[in-house]
Protein backbone atom coordinates (compact mmCIF):
# COMPACT_ATOMS: atom_id res chain seq x y z
CA UNK A 1 200.56 132.99 59.78
CA UNK A 2 198.15 130.34 61.36
CA UNK A 3 197.81 128.85 57.98
CA UNK A 4 201.59 128.72 57.26
CA UNK A 5 202.18 127.16 60.79
CA UNK A 6 199.68 124.27 59.68
CA UNK A 7 201.35 123.77 56.57
CA UNK A 8 204.86 123.25 58.25
CA UNK A 9 203.27 121.05 60.70
CA UNK A 10 201.75 118.84 58.12
CA UNK A 11 205.16 118.45 56.38
CA UNK A 12 206.74 117.35 59.92
CA UNK A 13 203.84 115.09 60.71
CA UNK A 14 204.12 113.14 57.40
CA UNK A 15 207.80 112.82 58.05
CA UNK A 16 208.56 113.66 54.41
CA UNK A 17 206.10 110.91 53.16
CA UNK A 18 204.11 112.10 50.20
CA UNK A 19 205.04 115.77 50.96
CA UNK A 20 207.49 116.71 48.15
CA UNK A 21 205.22 119.39 47.02
CA UNK A 22 204.75 120.75 50.51
CA UNK A 23 208.45 120.80 51.16
CA UNK A 24 208.85 122.66 47.78
CA UNK A 25 206.28 125.19 48.82
CA UNK A 26 207.81 125.66 52.26
CA UNK A 27 210.85 126.91 50.54
CA UNK A 28 208.79 129.92 49.19
CA UNK A 29 207.40 130.80 52.54
CA UNK A 30 205.46 134.07 52.78
CA UNK A 31 207.50 137.28 52.64
CA UNK A 32 206.57 140.74 51.97
CA UNK A 33 209.69 142.11 50.05
CA UNK A 34 209.33 142.42 46.26
CA UNK A 35 211.93 139.90 45.31
CA UNK A 36 210.08 137.29 47.25
CA UNK A 37 206.71 138.22 45.69
CA UNK A 38 208.25 137.85 42.14
CA UNK A 39 209.91 134.42 43.00
CA UNK A 40 206.54 133.10 44.21
CA UNK A 41 204.60 134.41 41.37
CA UNK A 42 207.07 132.57 39.05
CA UNK A 43 206.70 129.51 41.26
CA UNK A 44 202.93 129.37 40.68
CA UNK A 45 203.35 129.80 37.09
CA UNK A 46 205.88 127.06 36.72
CA UNK A 47 203.94 124.59 38.95
CA UNK A 48 200.79 125.33 37.00
CA UNK A 49 202.41 124.75 33.60
CA UNK A 50 203.97 121.44 34.98
CA UNK A 51 200.88 120.39 36.57
CA UNK A 52 199.94 118.77 39.83
CA UNK A 53 200.10 114.95 40.67
CA UNK A 54 197.44 115.14 43.35
CA UNK A 55 194.62 117.82 43.72
CA UNK A 56 195.69 118.22 47.24
CA UNK A 57 198.82 119.99 45.84
CA UNK A 58 196.61 122.43 44.12
CA UNK A 59 194.74 123.16 47.51
CA UNK A 60 198.00 123.43 49.35
CA UNK A 61 199.30 126.14 46.75
CA UNK A 62 196.04 127.90 46.64
CA UNK A 63 196.12 128.24 50.57
CA UNK A 64 199.64 129.72 50.43
CA UNK A 65 198.48 132.02 47.54
CA UNK A 66 195.69 133.35 49.75
CA UNK A 67 197.99 134.60 52.66
CA UNK A 68 200.37 136.27 50.38
CA UNK A 69 201.09 140.07 50.83
CA UNK A 70 200.78 141.72 48.60
CA UNK A 71 198.12 139.49 46.93
CA UNK A 72 198.93 137.87 43.68
CA UNK A 73 196.82 139.16 40.69
CA UNK A 74 194.05 137.47 38.93
CA UNK A 75 196.38 136.04 36.22
CA UNK A 76 197.97 133.83 38.86
CA UNK A 77 194.65 132.35 40.00
CA UNK A 78 193.49 131.87 36.34
CA UNK A 79 196.54 129.74 35.88
CA UNK A 80 195.71 127.65 39.08
CA UNK A 81 191.86 127.30 38.14
CA UNK A 82 192.96 126.46 34.48
CA UNK A 83 195.19 123.55 35.53
CA UNK A 84 192.82 122.16 38.19
CA UNK A 85 190.06 122.36 35.24
CA UNK A 86 192.33 120.23 33.07
CA UNK A 87 192.53 117.79 35.75
CA UNK A 88 188.63 117.37 35.59
CA UNK A 89 188.25 118.53 39.11
CA UNK A 90 185.43 120.93 38.25
CA UNK A 91 183.85 121.25 41.59
CA UNK A 92 187.18 122.05 43.11
CA UNK A 93 187.43 125.01 40.81
CA UNK A 94 184.25 126.27 41.93
CA UNK A 95 185.25 125.87 45.69
CA UNK A 96 188.54 127.74 45.23
CA UNK A 97 186.83 130.38 43.17
CA UNK A 98 184.25 130.98 45.90
CA UNK A 99 187.13 131.10 48.60
CA UNK A 100 189.18 133.58 46.47
CA UNK A 101 186.16 136.03 46.11
CA UNK A 102 185.33 135.67 50.00
CA UNK A 103 188.86 136.34 51.10
CA UNK A 104 190.25 138.96 48.40
CA UNK A 105 189.22 142.02 46.81
CA UNK A 106 190.07 140.77 43.37
CA UNK A 107 187.95 141.26 40.15
CA UNK A 108 187.57 138.13 37.89
CA UNK A 109 188.43 138.82 34.10
CA UNK A 110 187.21 137.12 31.17
CA UNK A 111 189.44 134.08 31.49
CA UNK A 112 188.43 133.35 35.05
CA UNK A 113 184.62 133.40 33.82
CA UNK A 114 185.54 131.21 30.80
CA UNK A 115 187.12 128.49 33.15
CA UNK A 116 184.13 128.69 35.47
CA UNK A 117 181.79 128.14 32.34
CA UNK A 118 183.96 125.10 31.36
CA UNK A 119 183.64 123.80 34.77
CA UNK A 120 179.88 124.24 35.16
CA UNK A 121 179.33 122.69 31.77
CA UNK A 122 181.57 119.82 32.82
CA UNK A 123 179.00 119.31 35.92
CA UNK A 124 176.17 119.33 33.73
CA UNK A 125 174.95 122.73 35.16
CA UNK A 126 174.63 124.77 31.91
CA UNK A 127 172.10 126.90 33.63
CA UNK A 128 174.63 128.46 36.07
CA UNK A 129 177.00 128.56 32.88
CA UNK A 130 174.53 130.87 31.29
CA UNK A 131 174.51 133.08 34.63
CA UNK A 132 178.21 133.45 34.34
CA UNK A 133 177.79 134.27 30.69
CA UNK A 134 175.64 137.07 31.72
CA UNK A 135 178.37 138.21 34.16
CA UNK A 136 180.74 138.45 31.22
CA UNK A 137 178.52 140.84 29.32
CA UNK A 138 177.66 142.86 32.38
CA UNK A 139 181.35 143.50 33.12
CA UNK A 140 181.86 144.69 29.50
CA UNK A 141 183.75 141.73 28.28
CA UNK A 142 183.37 140.02 25.06
CA UNK A 143 183.23 136.11 25.22
CA UNK A 144 185.49 134.51 22.55
CA UNK A 145 184.51 131.51 20.49
CA UNK A 146 186.01 129.09 22.75
CA UNK A 147 183.82 130.18 25.78
CA UNK A 148 180.65 130.20 23.36
CA UNK A 149 181.56 126.67 21.97
CA UNK A 150 181.70 125.49 25.62
CA UNK A 151 178.22 126.86 26.29
CA UNK A 152 176.99 125.10 22.97
CA UNK A 153 178.67 121.68 23.98
CA UNK A 154 177.05 122.12 27.53
CA UNK A 155 173.67 122.35 25.93
CA UNK A 156 174.27 119.34 23.88
CA UNK A 157 175.57 117.37 26.67
CA UNK A 158 172.35 118.29 28.57
CA UNK A 159 170.34 116.86 25.39
CA UNK A 160 169.21 120.48 24.48
CA UNK A 161 170.44 120.04 21.00
CA UNK A 162 167.60 122.26 19.50
CA UNK A 163 168.45 125.06 22.07
CA UNK A 164 172.07 124.80 21.15
CA UNK A 165 171.38 125.14 17.35
CA UNK A 166 168.97 128.06 18.14
CA UNK A 167 171.74 129.78 20.00
CA UNK A 168 174.31 128.75 17.46
CA UNK A 169 172.22 130.77 14.97
CA UNK A 170 171.41 133.65 16.88
CA UNK A 171 175.22 134.28 17.68
CA UNK A 172 175.98 133.93 13.98
CA UNK A 173 173.34 136.36 12.93
CA UNK A 174 172.97 138.83 15.68
CA UNK A 175 176.29 138.57 17.31
CA UNK A 176 178.33 138.28 14.22
CA UNK A 177 180.49 135.53 15.54
CA UNK A 178 182.52 133.51 13.02
CA UNK A 179 182.60 129.95 14.32
CA UNK A 180 185.47 127.44 13.69
CA UNK A 181 185.46 123.87 12.80
CA UNK A 182 185.51 122.96 16.55
CA UNK A 183 182.18 124.65 17.01
CA UNK A 184 180.64 123.11 13.85
CA UNK A 185 181.80 119.75 15.13
CA UNK A 186 180.20 120.23 18.41
CA UNK A 187 176.86 121.00 16.96
CA UNK A 188 177.27 118.06 14.36
CA UNK A 189 177.90 115.70 17.15
CA UNK A 190 174.89 116.78 19.26
CA UNK A 191 172.57 116.51 16.09
CA UNK A 192 174.01 112.85 15.43
CA UNK A 193 173.69 111.78 18.86
CA UNK A 194 170.08 112.73 18.91
CA UNK A 195 169.20 111.17 15.65
CA UNK A 196 169.04 114.48 13.54
CA UNK A 197 171.36 113.20 11.14
CA UNK A 198 169.96 115.13 8.09
CA UNK A 199 170.48 118.44 9.88
CA UNK A 200 174.02 117.43 10.63
CA UNK A 201 174.50 116.62 7.11
CA UNK A 202 173.31 120.20 6.09
CA UNK A 203 175.71 121.74 8.64
CA UNK A 204 178.51 119.83 6.98
CA UNK A 205 177.45 121.33 3.68
CA UNK A 206 177.44 124.60 5.27
CA UNK A 207 180.96 124.26 6.48
CA UNK A 208 182.18 123.73 2.96
CA UNK A 209 181.28 127.25 2.07
CA UNK A 210 183.11 128.97 5.03
CA UNK A 211 186.45 130.29 4.53
CA UNK A 212 188.79 128.88 7.07
CA UNK A 213 186.22 126.36 8.37
CA UNK A 214 186.41 123.45 6.06
CA UNK A 215 185.24 120.09 7.52
CA UNK A 216 188.11 117.96 8.78
CA UNK A 217 188.38 114.13 9.19
CA UNK A 218 186.50 114.32 12.51
CA UNK A 219 183.57 116.16 11.31
CA UNK A 220 183.16 113.81 8.32
CA UNK A 221 183.56 110.85 10.86
CA UNK A 222 180.82 112.04 13.08
CA UNK A 223 178.36 112.47 10.08
CA UNK A 224 179.36 109.12 8.54
CA UNK A 225 178.96 107.38 11.77
CA UNK A 226 175.53 108.95 12.23
CA UNK A 227 174.31 107.80 8.80
CA UNK A 228 175.52 104.41 9.11
CA UNK A 229 173.87 103.98 12.59
CA UNK A 230 170.70 105.01 10.98
CA UNK A 231 171.23 102.50 8.11
CA UNK A 232 171.92 105.15 5.45
CA UNK A 233 175.25 103.53 4.29
CA UNK A 234 175.09 104.50 0.97
CA UNK A 235 175.01 108.19 2.10
CA UNK A 236 178.06 107.39 4.32
CA UNK A 237 179.93 105.80 1.46
CA UNK A 238 179.11 108.92 -0.63
CA UNK A 239 180.73 111.41 2.09
CA UNK A 240 183.51 108.86 2.37
CA UNK A 241 184.41 109.31 -1.38
CA UNK A 242 183.96 113.09 -1.20
CA UNK A 243 186.29 113.50 1.66
CA UNK A 244 189.02 111.58 -0.15
CA UNK A 245 188.29 113.82 -3.37
CA UNK A 246 188.84 116.86 -1.18
CA UNK A 247 192.28 115.57 -0.07
CA UNK A 248 191.17 114.51 3.22
CA UNK A 249 192.53 111.13 4.23
CA UNK A 250 190.17 108.54 5.98
CA UNK A 251 191.24 107.52 9.47
CA UNK A 252 190.78 104.27 11.30
CA UNK A 253 187.50 105.73 12.75
CA UNK A 254 186.21 106.41 9.28
CA UNK A 255 186.68 102.89 8.20
CA UNK A 256 185.41 101.48 11.55
CA UNK A 257 182.16 103.27 11.00
CA UNK A 258 181.67 102.14 7.37
CA UNK A 259 182.40 98.54 8.06
CA UNK A 260 180.28 98.45 11.14
CA UNK A 261 177.35 99.93 9.00
CA UNK A 262 177.93 97.49 6.18
CA UNK A 263 178.01 94.49 8.63
CA UNK A 264 174.75 95.48 10.26
CA UNK A 265 173.12 95.21 6.71
CA UNK A 266 174.84 91.85 5.96
CA UNK A 267 177.13 93.25 3.17
CA UNK A 268 180.29 91.27 4.21
CA UNK A 269 181.91 91.47 0.93
CA UNK A 270 181.89 95.34 0.93
CA UNK A 271 183.04 95.32 4.50
CA UNK A 272 185.99 93.10 3.90
CA UNK A 273 186.81 95.12 0.87
CA UNK A 274 187.32 98.30 3.03
CA UNK A 275 189.36 96.23 5.41
CA UNK A 276 191.73 95.26 2.44
CA UNK A 277 191.72 98.93 1.44
CA UNK A 278 192.82 99.95 4.78
CA UNK A 279 195.75 97.34 4.86
CA UNK A 280 196.58 98.47 1.17
CA UNK A 281 196.71 102.30 2.33
CA UNK A 282 199.09 101.51 5.29
CA UNK A 283 196.19 102.13 7.84
CA UNK A 284 196.35 99.31 10.48
CA UNK A 285 192.88 98.41 11.70
CA UNK A 286 192.49 98.42 15.48
CA UNK A 287 191.08 95.53 17.45
CA UNK A 288 187.63 97.24 17.22
CA UNK A 289 187.37 96.77 13.61
CA UNK A 290 188.36 93.15 13.68
CA UNK A 291 185.92 92.46 16.41
CA UNK A 292 183.03 94.22 14.33
CA UNK A 293 183.86 91.79 11.37
CA UNK A 294 184.10 88.48 13.56
CA UNK A 295 180.93 89.45 15.59
CA UNK A 296 179.04 90.06 12.35
CA UNK A 297 180.25 86.88 10.44
CA UNK A 298 179.27 84.78 13.84
CA UNK A 299 175.81 86.28 13.76
CA UNK A 300 175.27 85.51 10.21
CA UNK A 301 176.44 81.82 10.64
CA UNK A 302 179.68 82.43 8.90
CA UNK A 303 181.93 81.43 11.86
CA UNK A 304 184.63 79.99 9.71
CA UNK A 305 185.11 83.39 8.05
CA UNK A 306 185.30 85.03 11.45
CA UNK A 307 187.93 82.61 12.45
CA UNK A 308 189.95 83.67 9.26
CA UNK A 309 189.65 87.36 10.23
CA UNK A 310 190.98 86.34 13.77
CA UNK A 311 194.11 84.69 12.01
CA UNK A 312 194.51 87.87 9.91
CA UNK A 313 194.17 90.00 13.03
CA UNK A 314 196.81 87.87 15.04
CA UNK A 315 199.15 87.86 11.84
CA UNK A 316 199.23 91.77 12.08
CA UNK A 317 200.40 91.77 15.66
CA UNK A 318 197.03 92.49 17.30
CA UNK A 319 196.10 90.66 20.48
CA UNK A 320 192.44 89.51 20.50
CA UNK A 321 190.61 90.62 23.53
CA UNK A 322 187.53 89.14 25.46
CA UNK A 323 184.95 90.77 22.82
CA UNK A 324 186.94 88.97 20.14
CA UNK A 325 186.80 85.58 21.86
CA UNK A 326 183.12 86.30 23.07
CA UNK A 327 181.93 86.84 19.36
CA UNK A 328 183.58 83.66 18.28
CA UNK A 329 182.02 81.66 20.99
CA UNK A 330 178.57 83.18 20.30
CA UNK A 331 179.03 82.41 16.67
CA UNK A 332 179.67 78.64 17.39
CA UNK A 333 176.82 78.49 19.97
CA UNK A 334 174.36 79.76 17.38
CA UNK A 335 175.03 77.19 14.91
CA UNK A 336 175.16 74.36 17.73
CA UNK A 337 178.85 73.65 17.57
CA UNK A 338 179.55 73.48 21.27
CA UNK A 339 182.80 71.66 20.93
CA UNK A 340 184.34 74.46 18.97
CA UNK A 341 182.77 76.93 21.27
CA UNK A 342 184.44 75.21 24.21
CA UNK A 343 187.60 74.83 22.32
CA UNK A 344 187.68 78.89 21.55
CA UNK A 345 186.92 79.19 25.41
CA UNK A 346 190.01 77.17 26.31
CA UNK A 347 192.31 79.02 23.92
CA UNK A 348 190.96 82.29 25.33
CA UNK A 349 192.06 81.04 28.91
CA UNK A 350 195.29 79.86 27.59
CA UNK A 351 196.11 83.38 26.19
CA UNK A 352 195.41 84.87 29.61
CA UNK A 353 192.43 86.46 28.35
CA UNK A 354 189.86 86.63 31.23
CA UNK A 355 186.34 85.35 30.35
CA UNK A 356 183.69 87.58 31.58
CA UNK A 357 179.99 87.05 32.51
CA UNK A 358 179.02 87.27 28.74
CA UNK A 359 181.50 84.36 27.87
CA UNK A 360 179.96 82.17 30.61
CA UNK A 361 176.52 83.13 30.07
CA UNK A 362 176.85 82.42 26.29
CA UNK A 363 178.45 79.09 26.84
CA UNK A 364 175.97 77.97 29.47
CA UNK A 365 172.89 79.06 27.47
CA UNK A 366 174.38 77.01 24.37
CA UNK A 367 175.10 73.95 26.60
CA UNK A 368 171.50 73.90 28.02
CA UNK A 369 170.10 74.03 24.47
CA UNK A 370 172.21 71.17 23.59
CA UNK A 371 171.00 69.07 26.46
CA UNK A 372 174.48 69.32 28.40
CA UNK A 373 173.23 70.29 31.89
CA UNK A 374 176.25 68.98 33.95
CA UNK A 375 178.76 70.85 31.72
CA UNK A 376 176.59 74.10 32.02
CA UNK A 377 176.62 73.58 35.84
CA UNK A 378 180.38 73.12 35.94
CA UNK A 379 180.69 76.37 34.08
CA UNK A 380 178.28 78.15 36.32
CA UNK A 381 179.98 77.19 39.35
CA UNK A 382 183.38 78.22 37.74
CA UNK A 383 181.84 81.70 36.91
CA UNK A 384 180.31 81.79 40.56
CA UNK A 385 184.00 81.13 41.86
CA UNK A 386 185.57 83.78 39.56
CA UNK A 387 183.02 86.09 40.88
CA UNK A 388 181.65 86.86 37.49
CA UNK A 389 178.06 85.84 38.51
CA UNK A 390 177.71 89.53 39.57
CA UNK A 391 173.85 89.54 40.19
CA UNK A 392 171.05 87.45 41.20
CA UNK A 393 169.59 88.35 37.79
CA UNK A 394 172.06 86.37 35.92
CA UNK A 395 171.81 83.49 38.49
CA UNK A 396 167.89 83.39 37.93
CA UNK A 397 168.48 83.56 34.21
CA UNK A 398 170.59 80.38 34.28
CA UNK A 399 168.32 78.69 36.70
CA UNK A 400 165.37 79.45 34.40
CA UNK A 401 167.32 77.99 31.41
CA UNK A 402 167.94 74.63 33.20
CA UNK A 403 164.20 74.37 34.15
CA UNK A 404 163.01 75.41 30.72
CA UNK A 405 165.26 72.47 29.29
CA UNK A 406 163.61 70.07 31.74
CA UNK A 407 166.82 69.83 34.07
CA UNK A 408 165.16 71.05 37.43
CA UNK A 409 167.36 68.41 39.28
CA UNK A 410 170.54 70.41 38.18
CA UNK A 411 168.77 73.63 38.92
CA UNK A 412 168.18 72.50 42.67
CA UNK A 413 171.83 71.34 43.10
CA UNK A 414 172.97 74.66 41.95
CA UNK A 415 170.44 76.51 44.00
CA UNK A 416 171.69 74.67 47.10
CA UNK A 417 175.50 75.54 46.11
CA UNK A 418 174.76 79.40 45.91
CA UNK A 419 172.03 79.74 48.54
CA UNK A 420 174.35 80.63 51.44
CA UNK A 421 176.62 82.64 49.23
CA UNK A 422 176.74 86.63 48.85
CA UNK A 423 174.19 86.21 46.21
CA UNK A 424 171.02 85.54 48.16
CA UNK A 425 168.15 84.10 46.14
CA UNK A 426 165.15 86.37 45.67
CA UNK A 427 161.49 85.50 45.15
CA UNK A 428 162.05 85.10 41.42
CA UNK A 429 164.66 82.46 42.21
CA UNK A 430 162.13 80.50 44.17
CA UNK A 431 159.32 80.94 41.76
CA UNK A 432 161.47 79.60 38.75
CA UNK A 433 162.31 76.52 40.89
CA UNK A 434 159.00 75.92 42.13
CA UNK A 435 157.69 76.13 38.51
CA UNK A 436 160.38 73.81 37.55
CA UNK A 437 159.67 71.17 39.97
CA UNK A 438 155.87 71.08 39.22
CA UNK A 439 156.65 70.66 35.58
CA UNK A 440 158.46 67.41 36.22
CA UNK A 441 155.98 66.24 38.99
CA UNK A 442 157.97 67.06 41.77
CA UNK A 443 155.19 68.38 43.89
CA UNK A 444 156.70 67.45 47.32
CA UNK A 445 159.90 69.52 46.50
CA UNK A 446 157.84 72.48 45.16
CA UNK A 447 155.83 72.63 48.40
CA UNK A 448 159.20 72.41 50.51
CA UNK A 449 160.81 75.22 48.48
CA UNK A 450 157.38 77.23 48.99
CA UNK A 451 157.44 76.70 52.64
CA UNK A 452 161.13 78.15 52.89
CA UNK A 453 159.96 81.55 51.39
CA UNK A 454 158.81 83.24 54.60
CA UNK A 455 161.95 81.76 56.51
CA UNK A 456 164.23 83.66 53.91
CA UNK A 457 162.39 87.03 54.60
CA UNK A 458 160.76 86.90 51.42
CA UNK A 459 156.93 87.48 50.21
CA UNK A 460 155.48 85.39 47.52
CA UNK A 461 154.12 87.35 44.57
CA UNK A 462 150.96 86.82 42.75
CA UNK A 463 152.92 84.60 40.18
CA UNK A 464 154.43 82.30 42.91
CA UNK A 465 150.81 81.83 44.55
CA UNK A 466 149.39 81.11 41.10
CA UNK A 467 151.99 78.36 40.35
CA UNK A 468 151.34 76.77 43.62
CA UNK A 469 147.49 76.76 43.04
CA UNK A 470 148.03 75.33 39.81
CA UNK A 471 150.18 72.63 41.57
CA UNK A 472 147.48 71.89 44.01
CA UNK A 473 144.71 71.71 41.21
CA UNK A 474 146.89 69.18 39.29
CA UNK A 475 147.20 66.98 42.30
CA UNK A 476 143.56 67.15 42.72
CA UNK A 477 143.83 68.95 46.05
CA UNK A 478 141.18 71.61 45.35
CA UNK A 479 140.56 72.43 49.11
CA UNK A 480 144.42 73.30 49.43
CA UNK A 481 144.29 75.40 46.29
CA UNK A 482 141.24 77.27 47.53
CA UNK A 483 142.93 77.72 51.04
CA UNK A 484 146.00 79.25 49.23
CA UNK A 485 143.73 81.60 47.02
CA UNK A 486 142.33 82.88 50.20
CA UNK A 487 145.79 82.97 52.09
CA UNK A 488 147.20 85.05 49.27
CA UNK A 489 144.51 87.74 49.66
CA UNK A 490 144.90 87.82 53.44
CA UNK A 491 148.72 88.57 52.88
CA UNK A 492 147.92 91.51 50.79
CA UNK A 493 148.31 89.94 47.28
CA UNK A 494 145.18 90.02 45.36
CA UNK A 495 144.73 87.31 42.86
CA UNK A 496 144.87 88.29 39.19
CA UNK A 497 142.96 87.04 36.02
CA UNK A 498 145.32 84.08 35.62
CA UNK A 499 144.87 82.96 39.34
CA UNK A 500 141.10 82.86 38.88
CA UNK A 501 141.10 81.10 35.73
CA UNK A 502 143.67 78.63 37.29
CA UNK A 503 141.34 77.73 40.12
CA UNK A 504 138.14 77.68 37.87
CA UNK A 505 139.99 75.32 35.53
CA UNK A 506 140.76 72.93 38.66
CA UNK A 507 137.04 73.09 39.75
CA UNK A 508 135.81 72.13 36.16
CA UNK A 509 138.15 69.39 35.84
CA UNK A 510 136.59 68.04 39.18
CA UNK A 511 133.05 68.81 37.73
CA UNK A 512 132.42 71.34 40.47
CA UNK A 513 130.62 73.88 38.13
CA UNK A 514 129.05 75.65 41.07
CA UNK A 515 132.20 76.91 42.72
CA UNK A 516 133.56 77.71 39.12
CA UNK A 517 130.52 79.90 38.59
CA UNK A 518 130.99 81.65 42.03
CA UNK A 519 134.39 82.46 41.00
CA UNK A 520 133.45 83.83 37.61
CA UNK A 521 130.96 86.20 39.38
CA UNK A 522 133.81 87.23 41.75
CA UNK A 523 135.89 88.02 38.59
CA UNK A 524 133.21 90.21 37.18
CA UNK A 525 132.94 92.15 40.55
CA UNK A 526 136.57 92.80 40.40
CA UNK A 527 136.47 93.87 36.73
CA UNK A 528 138.79 91.07 35.79
CA UNK A 529 136.58 89.80 33.06
CA UNK A 530 137.43 91.13 29.49
CA UNK A 531 133.97 91.33 28.12
CA UNK A 532 130.71 91.52 29.97
CA UNK A 533 128.33 88.74 29.38
CA UNK A 534 124.57 89.14 29.01
CA UNK A 535 123.76 85.61 28.17
CA UNK A 536 123.48 82.72 30.76
CA UNK A 537 126.92 81.24 31.37
CA UNK A 538 127.08 77.48 30.55
CA UNK A 539 129.68 74.85 31.66
CA UNK A 540 130.93 74.77 27.83
CA UNK A 541 131.78 78.33 28.14
CA UNK A 542 133.47 77.93 31.44
CA UNK A 543 135.60 74.98 30.02
CA UNK A 544 136.47 77.02 26.99
């Protein structure tokens, strides 16, 4: 009664908002007469068949079911568990099942257990699923093929394909189970996903000899895809022709697997041939197939052919997506045609196709390589405005590109633009910029950047210190270099082999061999010398 009062209170509190199901449930309030019981049981059946818009509705129905007197049977609860399981709310099923077992004297049946196994496998808890399977046998029930297939799928999803295969064979030989195409497909998928393609091929052959278990297009597709991904495209093509001989029509997925495999091997002519075959057979290629071809042509320097494929794609009424345009942009960047790359970018924007971080990064990289730092910086700023620069890593990659291409000035400008934004520079950012500044002789700027590091709550790493020591050495400031060498150790950052060699080289360039020898000896003590020396160390050795 208290539960029912809370239900009605919830309806009144919401004022009808979002409570259609609760209002409907309220019309079937608890009553002990037989007619009411029958109506409510029918109500549960209808609701479960039509499904729930929200998981809260399933909870509300379950709450009402628990207080019903007499209690509804296990069939009604199975109906509810089944529909919640189809909503992929697996943990909810487990919770409701526990509540049912704790509140009612009701016995689960084989269907209840099968639903639980499905949910546990969906939660990647195949170990618990085996415990439920044990309950099925203890209760004298016989699990059906669907339940066992779910267990096998759970093992495959848990990367335990060998165990799945072993159980599959035991159930066939000892249990006498005759599995269907879905079960075989489950094992074949697991085998292909773990690179055991030849075993998958053998299983496919086994299916051909089973009555009522002939391989379908899905089984062929899985194996063809697995073969093509391993570069065994000839074997994939052989299966393709075999399935056609057996009267199984290839699907879009079949062609997609073959075209992708052929493109990876550079067999463009054959790939295009399968595209033409698809069109001739009335099978419209999807965007993914066109993208595969455009990307492959671009990477092979055949961007114009990729553009032809794009034209064909549009003529077939398909809308290019971000991946399509990214492939073309990348293709033009690879051959240095930045004008065409930017033109494709502008077309992309004009067609309301939003560029992503890959688009911007590809263009920026191409522009940096073609010595167009200003345009690259403009694009980076645009990417930042549109929140496409989603990590400090991407920011660092761009700054590194500018510094590598001798545009540290542009890098510094950009650094100041983003410094106070949400993406705060890390120690790698500072290290990249310090290195860039030192390369172009901007020692003063490098020092200023280094001095900012502690104020930003960051700690220089061994690379940062080594770069600064090299900078001091190049300026002839050996005392400052040595002070930093000692300072890094005090800060808990021990110098590595490169740090030692950098300072040693600095002393040798100043003809201070005594300090160089002391550093060599210190390296030996720390085990940083690759080869132990027994002969006397000469200055020429040190210089080398």
